[in-house]
N, C-alpha and C. Protein backbone atom coordinates (compact mmCIF):
# COMPACT_ATOMS: atom_id res chain seq x y z
N MET A 1 0.83 -1.20 0.00
CA MET A 1 0.00 0.00 0.00
C MET A 1 0.87 1.26 0.00
N ALA A 2 1.90 1.28 0.85
CA ALA A 2 2.77 2.44 0.94
C ALA A 2 3.47 2.70 -0.39
N ALA A 3 3.89 1.64 -1.09
CA ALA A 3 4.55 1.81 -2.38
C ALA A 3 3.61 2.43 -3.40
N ALA A 4 2.34 2.01 -3.39
CA ALA A 4 1.36 2.58 -4.31
C ALA A 4 1.12 4.05 -4.01
N GLU A 5 1.08 4.41 -2.75
CA GLU A 5 0.88 5.82 -2.37
C GLU A 5 2.08 6.67 -2.78
N LEU A 6 3.30 6.14 -2.61
CA LEU A 6 4.49 6.87 -3.04
C LEU A 6 4.51 7.05 -4.56
N ARG A 7 4.12 6.01 -5.27
CA ARG A 7 4.07 6.09 -6.74
C ARG A 7 3.05 7.14 -7.18
N GLU A 8 1.88 7.14 -6.55
CA GLU A 8 0.84 8.13 -6.87
C GLU A 8 1.33 9.55 -6.57
N ALA A 9 1.99 9.74 -5.43
CA ALA A 9 2.51 11.07 -5.07
C ALA A 9 3.57 11.52 -6.06
N ARG A 10 4.44 10.59 -6.49
CA ARG A 10 5.48 10.94 -7.47
C ARG A 10 4.84 11.29 -8.81
N THR A 11 3.84 10.53 -9.21
CA THR A 11 3.14 10.81 -10.47
C THR A 11 2.52 12.21 -10.42
N GLN A 12 1.83 12.52 -9.35
CA GLN A 12 1.18 13.83 -9.22
C GLN A 12 2.20 14.96 -9.20
N SER A 13 3.35 14.73 -8.58
CA SER A 13 4.42 15.74 -8.55
C SER A 13 4.93 16.05 -9.96
N ILE A 14 5.13 15.01 -10.74
CA ILE A 14 5.60 15.19 -12.13
C ILE A 14 4.53 15.92 -12.94
N LEU A 15 3.29 15.49 -12.82
CA LEU A 15 2.21 16.09 -13.62
C LEU A 15 1.90 17.53 -13.23
N ALA A 16 2.26 17.93 -12.01
CA ALA A 16 2.02 19.30 -11.56
C ALA A 16 3.20 20.23 -11.81
N ALA A 17 4.29 19.71 -12.36
CA ALA A 17 5.49 20.52 -12.58
C ALA A 17 5.21 21.67 -13.55
N PRO A 18 5.75 22.87 -13.27
CA PRO A 18 5.48 24.01 -14.14
C PRO A 18 6.11 23.88 -15.54
N ASP A 19 7.11 23.02 -15.69
CA ASP A 19 7.76 22.85 -16.99
C ASP A 19 7.26 21.60 -17.73
N LEU A 20 6.11 21.08 -17.35
CA LEU A 20 5.59 19.85 -17.93
C LEU A 20 5.42 19.97 -19.44
N VAL A 21 5.89 18.96 -20.15
CA VAL A 21 5.72 18.83 -21.60
C VAL A 21 4.95 17.54 -21.83
N VAL A 22 3.88 17.61 -22.61
CA VAL A 22 3.06 16.43 -22.88
C VAL A 22 3.02 16.19 -24.39
N ARG A 23 3.34 14.96 -24.76
CA ARG A 23 3.30 14.57 -26.17
C ARG A 23 2.57 13.23 -26.28
N THR A 24 1.87 13.03 -27.39
CA THR A 24 1.14 11.79 -27.63
C THR A 24 1.50 11.24 -29.00
N GLY A 25 1.60 9.94 -29.08
CA GLY A 25 1.83 9.25 -30.34
C GLY A 25 0.84 8.11 -30.48
N PHE A 26 0.50 7.76 -31.70
CA PHE A 26 -0.48 6.72 -31.96
C PHE A 26 0.22 5.45 -32.43
N MET A 27 -0.18 4.35 -31.85
CA MET A 27 0.47 3.07 -32.10
C MET A 27 -0.01 2.43 -33.40
N ALA A 28 0.91 1.80 -34.12
CA ALA A 28 0.53 0.95 -35.24
C ALA A 28 -0.31 -0.17 -34.66
N GLY A 29 -1.42 -0.46 -35.26
CA GLY A 29 -2.31 -1.49 -34.75
C GLY A 29 -3.36 -0.97 -33.80
N GLY A 30 -3.28 0.33 -33.44
CA GLY A 30 -4.29 0.95 -32.60
C GLY A 30 -3.86 1.17 -31.17
N GLY A 31 -4.16 2.33 -30.68
CA GLY A 31 -3.80 2.71 -29.32
C GLY A 31 -2.96 3.96 -29.32
N ARG A 32 -2.61 4.39 -28.11
CA ARG A 32 -1.78 5.60 -28.03
C ARG A 32 -0.88 5.55 -26.81
N VAL A 33 0.20 6.31 -26.93
CA VAL A 33 1.17 6.48 -25.84
C VAL A 33 1.25 7.97 -25.55
N THR A 34 1.08 8.34 -24.29
CA THR A 34 1.21 9.73 -23.87
C THR A 34 2.38 9.82 -22.91
N VAL A 35 3.27 10.77 -23.17
CA VAL A 35 4.43 11.01 -22.32
C VAL A 35 4.30 12.41 -21.73
N ALA A 36 4.30 12.50 -20.41
CA ALA A 36 4.28 13.77 -19.69
C ALA A 36 5.62 13.87 -18.97
N SER A 37 6.45 14.84 -19.38
CA SER A 37 7.83 14.90 -18.90
C SER A 37 8.15 16.25 -18.26
N SER A 38 8.94 16.19 -17.20
CA SER A 38 9.40 17.39 -16.51
C SER A 38 10.90 17.31 -16.30
N ALA A 39 11.63 18.25 -16.90
CA ALA A 39 13.08 18.31 -16.68
C ALA A 39 13.38 18.65 -15.22
N ALA A 40 12.59 19.53 -14.62
CA ALA A 40 12.80 19.91 -13.22
C ALA A 40 12.63 18.71 -12.29
N GLN A 41 11.69 17.83 -12.60
CA GLN A 41 11.48 16.63 -11.80
C GLN A 41 12.43 15.50 -12.22
N GLY A 42 13.04 15.65 -13.38
CA GLY A 42 13.96 14.61 -13.87
C GLY A 42 13.26 13.31 -14.16
N ALA A 43 12.01 13.40 -14.60
CA ALA A 43 11.23 12.18 -14.81
C ALA A 43 10.07 12.42 -15.77
N SER A 44 9.52 11.31 -16.23
CA SER A 44 8.36 11.32 -17.11
C SER A 44 7.35 10.30 -16.63
N VAL A 45 6.10 10.56 -16.96
CA VAL A 45 5.02 9.60 -16.75
C VAL A 45 4.59 9.15 -18.13
N VAL A 46 4.67 7.85 -18.37
CA VAL A 46 4.31 7.28 -19.66
C VAL A 46 3.04 6.46 -19.49
N SER A 47 2.04 6.78 -20.29
CA SER A 47 0.76 6.07 -20.25
C SER A 47 0.54 5.42 -21.61
N LEU A 48 0.26 4.12 -21.59
CA LEU A 48 0.00 3.39 -22.81
C LEU A 48 -1.40 2.78 -22.72
N ARG A 49 -2.19 3.01 -23.76
CA ARG A 49 -3.52 2.42 -23.89
C ARG A 49 -3.60 1.79 -25.29
N ALA A 50 -3.45 0.49 -25.33
CA ALA A 50 -3.48 -0.23 -26.60
C ALA A 50 -4.89 -0.68 -26.93
N ASP A 51 -5.22 -0.74 -28.20
CA ASP A 51 -6.53 -1.25 -28.62
C ASP A 51 -6.62 -2.76 -28.44
N ARG A 52 -5.46 -3.41 -28.38
CA ARG A 52 -5.41 -4.85 -28.16
C ARG A 52 -4.19 -5.18 -27.30
N PRO A 53 -4.29 -6.21 -26.49
CA PRO A 53 -3.12 -6.61 -25.71
C PRO A 53 -2.10 -7.31 -26.59
N PRO A 54 -0.87 -7.43 -26.13
CA PRO A 54 0.11 -8.22 -26.89
C PRO A 54 -0.36 -9.67 -27.00
N ALA A 55 0.05 -10.33 -28.05
CA ALA A 55 -0.30 -11.73 -28.26
C ALA A 55 0.35 -12.60 -27.18
N PRO A 56 -0.17 -13.79 -26.97
CA PRO A 56 0.46 -14.70 -26.00
C PRO A 56 1.96 -14.87 -26.31
N GLY A 57 2.78 -14.81 -25.29
CA GLY A 57 4.22 -14.94 -25.47
C GLY A 57 4.89 -13.66 -25.93
N ARG A 58 4.15 -12.56 -25.98
CA ARG A 58 4.68 -11.26 -26.42
C ARG A 58 4.43 -10.22 -25.34
N ALA A 59 5.09 -9.06 -25.46
CA ALA A 59 4.90 -7.95 -24.51
C ALA A 59 5.22 -6.65 -25.23
N PHE A 60 4.65 -5.55 -24.73
CA PHE A 60 5.04 -4.23 -25.20
C PHE A 60 6.20 -3.78 -24.32
N GLN A 61 7.30 -3.36 -24.95
CA GLN A 61 8.51 -2.94 -24.24
C GLN A 61 8.72 -1.45 -24.47
N LEU A 62 9.09 -0.75 -23.41
CA LEU A 62 9.30 0.70 -23.46
C LEU A 62 10.79 1.00 -23.57
N TRP A 63 11.13 1.99 -24.40
CA TRP A 63 12.52 2.40 -24.66
C TRP A 63 12.65 3.90 -24.55
N THR A 64 13.83 4.37 -24.15
CA THR A 64 14.19 5.77 -24.32
C THR A 64 15.34 5.81 -25.33
N ILE A 65 15.32 6.84 -26.15
CA ILE A 65 16.36 7.00 -27.15
C ILE A 65 16.89 8.41 -27.01
N GLY A 66 18.12 8.55 -26.58
CA GLY A 66 18.78 9.85 -26.45
C GLY A 66 19.69 10.03 -27.65
N THR A 67 20.94 10.33 -27.38
CA THR A 67 21.90 10.53 -28.46
C THR A 67 22.56 9.22 -28.88
N GLY A 68 22.38 8.16 -28.10
CA GLY A 68 22.99 6.88 -28.42
C GLY A 68 21.97 5.83 -28.79
N ASN A 69 22.29 4.61 -28.43
CA ASN A 69 21.42 3.48 -28.72
C ASN A 69 20.18 3.50 -27.83
N PRO A 70 19.11 2.88 -28.25
CA PRO A 70 17.92 2.77 -27.41
C PRO A 70 18.25 2.06 -26.10
N VAL A 71 17.62 2.53 -25.02
CA VAL A 71 17.80 1.92 -23.71
C VAL A 71 16.44 1.39 -23.25
N SER A 72 16.41 0.13 -22.90
CA SER A 72 15.16 -0.47 -22.45
C SER A 72 14.79 0.04 -21.07
N VAL A 73 13.54 0.47 -20.93
CA VAL A 73 13.01 0.85 -19.63
C VAL A 73 12.32 -0.36 -19.01
N GLY A 74 12.10 -1.39 -19.83
CA GLY A 74 11.53 -2.63 -19.34
C GLY A 74 10.21 -2.96 -20.00
N GLU A 75 9.70 -4.11 -19.60
CA GLU A 75 8.43 -4.59 -20.13
C GLU A 75 7.33 -3.69 -19.59
N LEU A 76 6.59 -3.07 -20.47
CA LEU A 76 5.54 -2.14 -20.08
C LEU A 76 4.20 -2.85 -19.93
N ILE A 77 3.89 -3.72 -20.86
CA ILE A 77 2.62 -4.44 -20.79
C ILE A 77 2.85 -5.89 -21.19
N PRO A 78 2.54 -6.82 -20.30
CA PRO A 78 2.64 -8.24 -20.66
C PRO A 78 1.42 -8.69 -21.46
N ALA A 79 1.51 -9.89 -21.98
CA ALA A 79 0.39 -10.47 -22.73
C ALA A 79 -0.87 -10.46 -21.87
N GLY A 80 -1.99 -10.17 -22.52
CA GLY A 80 -3.27 -10.18 -21.83
C GLY A 80 -3.70 -8.85 -21.25
N GLU A 81 -2.80 -7.88 -21.18
CA GLU A 81 -3.14 -6.56 -20.66
C GLU A 81 -3.05 -5.54 -21.79
N ALA A 82 -3.81 -4.44 -21.67
CA ALA A 82 -3.84 -3.46 -22.75
C ALA A 82 -3.55 -2.03 -22.30
N SER A 83 -3.23 -1.82 -21.01
CA SER A 83 -2.90 -0.47 -20.57
C SER A 83 -1.92 -0.52 -19.41
N ALA A 84 -1.15 0.56 -19.27
CA ALA A 84 -0.19 0.67 -18.19
C ALA A 84 0.24 2.12 -18.04
N VAL A 85 0.69 2.46 -16.84
CA VAL A 85 1.30 3.76 -16.56
C VAL A 85 2.61 3.48 -15.86
N GLN A 86 3.68 4.14 -16.32
CA GLN A 86 4.99 3.91 -15.73
C GLN A 86 5.72 5.23 -15.56
N ILE A 87 6.43 5.37 -14.44
CA ILE A 87 7.30 6.51 -14.21
C ILE A 87 8.69 6.14 -14.71
N VAL A 88 9.30 7.05 -15.47
CA VAL A 88 10.66 6.84 -15.97
C VAL A 88 11.52 7.96 -15.42
N ASN A 89 12.49 7.61 -14.61
CA ASN A 89 13.40 8.60 -14.02
C ASN A 89 14.63 8.77 -14.89
N GLY A 90 15.27 9.94 -14.78
CA GLY A 90 16.52 10.19 -15.47
C GLY A 90 16.41 10.22 -16.98
N VAL A 91 15.40 10.86 -17.50
CA VAL A 91 15.16 10.91 -18.94
C VAL A 91 16.23 11.78 -19.60
N PRO A 92 16.89 11.27 -20.66
CA PRO A 92 17.92 12.07 -21.34
C PRO A 92 17.31 13.24 -22.10
N GLY A 93 18.09 14.29 -22.28
CA GLY A 93 17.64 15.45 -23.06
C GLY A 93 17.28 15.06 -24.47
N ASN A 94 16.33 15.78 -25.06
CA ASN A 94 15.86 15.50 -26.42
C ASN A 94 15.44 14.05 -26.59
N ALA A 95 14.86 13.49 -25.55
CA ALA A 95 14.53 12.07 -25.56
C ALA A 95 13.39 11.75 -26.51
N VAL A 96 13.47 10.56 -27.02
CA VAL A 96 12.39 9.94 -27.77
C VAL A 96 12.00 8.71 -26.96
N PHE A 97 10.72 8.51 -26.78
CA PHE A 97 10.22 7.29 -26.16
C PHE A 97 9.69 6.42 -27.29
N ALA A 98 9.91 5.13 -27.19
CA ALA A 98 9.40 4.20 -28.19
C ALA A 98 8.79 3.01 -27.47
N VAL A 99 7.78 2.43 -28.11
CA VAL A 99 7.18 1.19 -27.63
C VAL A 99 7.28 0.19 -28.76
N SER A 100 7.79 -0.98 -28.42
CA SER A 100 7.89 -2.05 -29.41
C SER A 100 7.18 -3.30 -28.89
N GLU A 101 6.81 -4.16 -29.81
CA GLU A 101 6.26 -5.45 -29.41
C GLU A 101 7.37 -6.47 -29.52
N GLU A 102 7.65 -7.15 -28.42
CA GLU A 102 8.78 -8.05 -28.32
C GLU A 102 8.36 -9.38 -27.71
N PRO A 103 9.25 -10.38 -27.75
CA PRO A 103 8.96 -11.61 -27.03
C PRO A 103 8.82 -11.31 -25.53
N ALA A 104 7.99 -12.09 -24.83
CA ALA A 104 7.85 -11.91 -23.38
C ALA A 104 9.23 -11.92 -22.74
N GLY A 105 9.45 -11.02 -21.81
CA GLY A 105 10.76 -10.88 -21.18
C GLY A 105 11.62 -9.82 -21.84
N GLY A 106 11.25 -9.39 -23.04
CA GLY A 106 11.93 -8.27 -23.68
C GLY A 106 13.06 -8.68 -24.61
N SER A 107 13.57 -7.67 -25.30
CA SER A 107 14.67 -7.82 -26.24
C SER A 107 15.79 -6.86 -25.88
N ALA A 108 16.98 -7.13 -26.39
CA ALA A 108 18.13 -6.25 -26.15
C ALA A 108 18.02 -4.96 -26.96
N GLN A 109 17.37 -5.02 -28.10
CA GLN A 109 17.15 -3.86 -28.97
C GLN A 109 15.72 -3.94 -29.49
N PRO A 110 15.10 -2.78 -29.78
CA PRO A 110 13.74 -2.82 -30.31
C PRO A 110 13.72 -3.45 -31.70
N THR A 111 12.72 -4.33 -31.93
CA THR A 111 12.63 -4.98 -33.24
C THR A 111 11.36 -4.58 -33.98
N ASN A 112 10.24 -4.50 -33.29
CA ASN A 112 8.97 -4.17 -33.95
C ASN A 112 8.40 -2.91 -33.29
N VAL A 113 8.92 -1.74 -33.68
CA VAL A 113 8.51 -0.48 -33.06
C VAL A 113 7.11 -0.12 -33.52
N LEU A 114 6.24 0.12 -32.54
CA LEU A 114 4.84 0.46 -32.81
C LEU A 114 4.59 1.96 -32.78
N VAL A 115 5.40 2.70 -32.02
CA VAL A 115 5.23 4.15 -31.91
C VAL A 115 6.50 4.78 -31.35
N LYS A 116 6.77 6.00 -31.80
CA LYS A 116 7.83 6.84 -31.21
C LYS A 116 7.19 8.16 -30.82
N VAL A 117 7.55 8.66 -29.64
CA VAL A 117 7.05 9.95 -29.15
C VAL A 117 8.27 10.80 -28.81
N GLN A 118 8.45 11.92 -29.53
CA GLN A 118 9.57 12.83 -29.31
C GLN A 118 9.12 13.95 -28.37
N LEU A 119 9.96 14.23 -27.36
CA LEU A 119 9.59 15.26 -26.39
C LEU A 119 9.81 16.67 -26.91
N THR A 120 10.79 16.87 -27.77
CA THR A 120 11.06 18.23 -28.24
C THR A 120 10.65 18.41 -29.68
């Protein structure tokens, strides 16, 4: 319970930041990803609402892309689920967020990118 309350408080802090930037991208296959980011908070809130869940044995994986290679933020939605909200700390400048569909457990690099959301 305490962890959920801390997560909610952190989410509200990011969303209330005066420098908040909000961007939305639409997923191939249906759905959308919204990224609300605050440089002052050093974090983003990523919300994914897919029109369909990943297929059995698959998952939606979240990535950040700065000036280098994509960095996995982890499995965002496992098979059978169609929405998630995740806090991402330490977002690089000029970041791009991407969601890909990968084998369950994730991939080392994105293979089937469904959407990219650029913050700037």
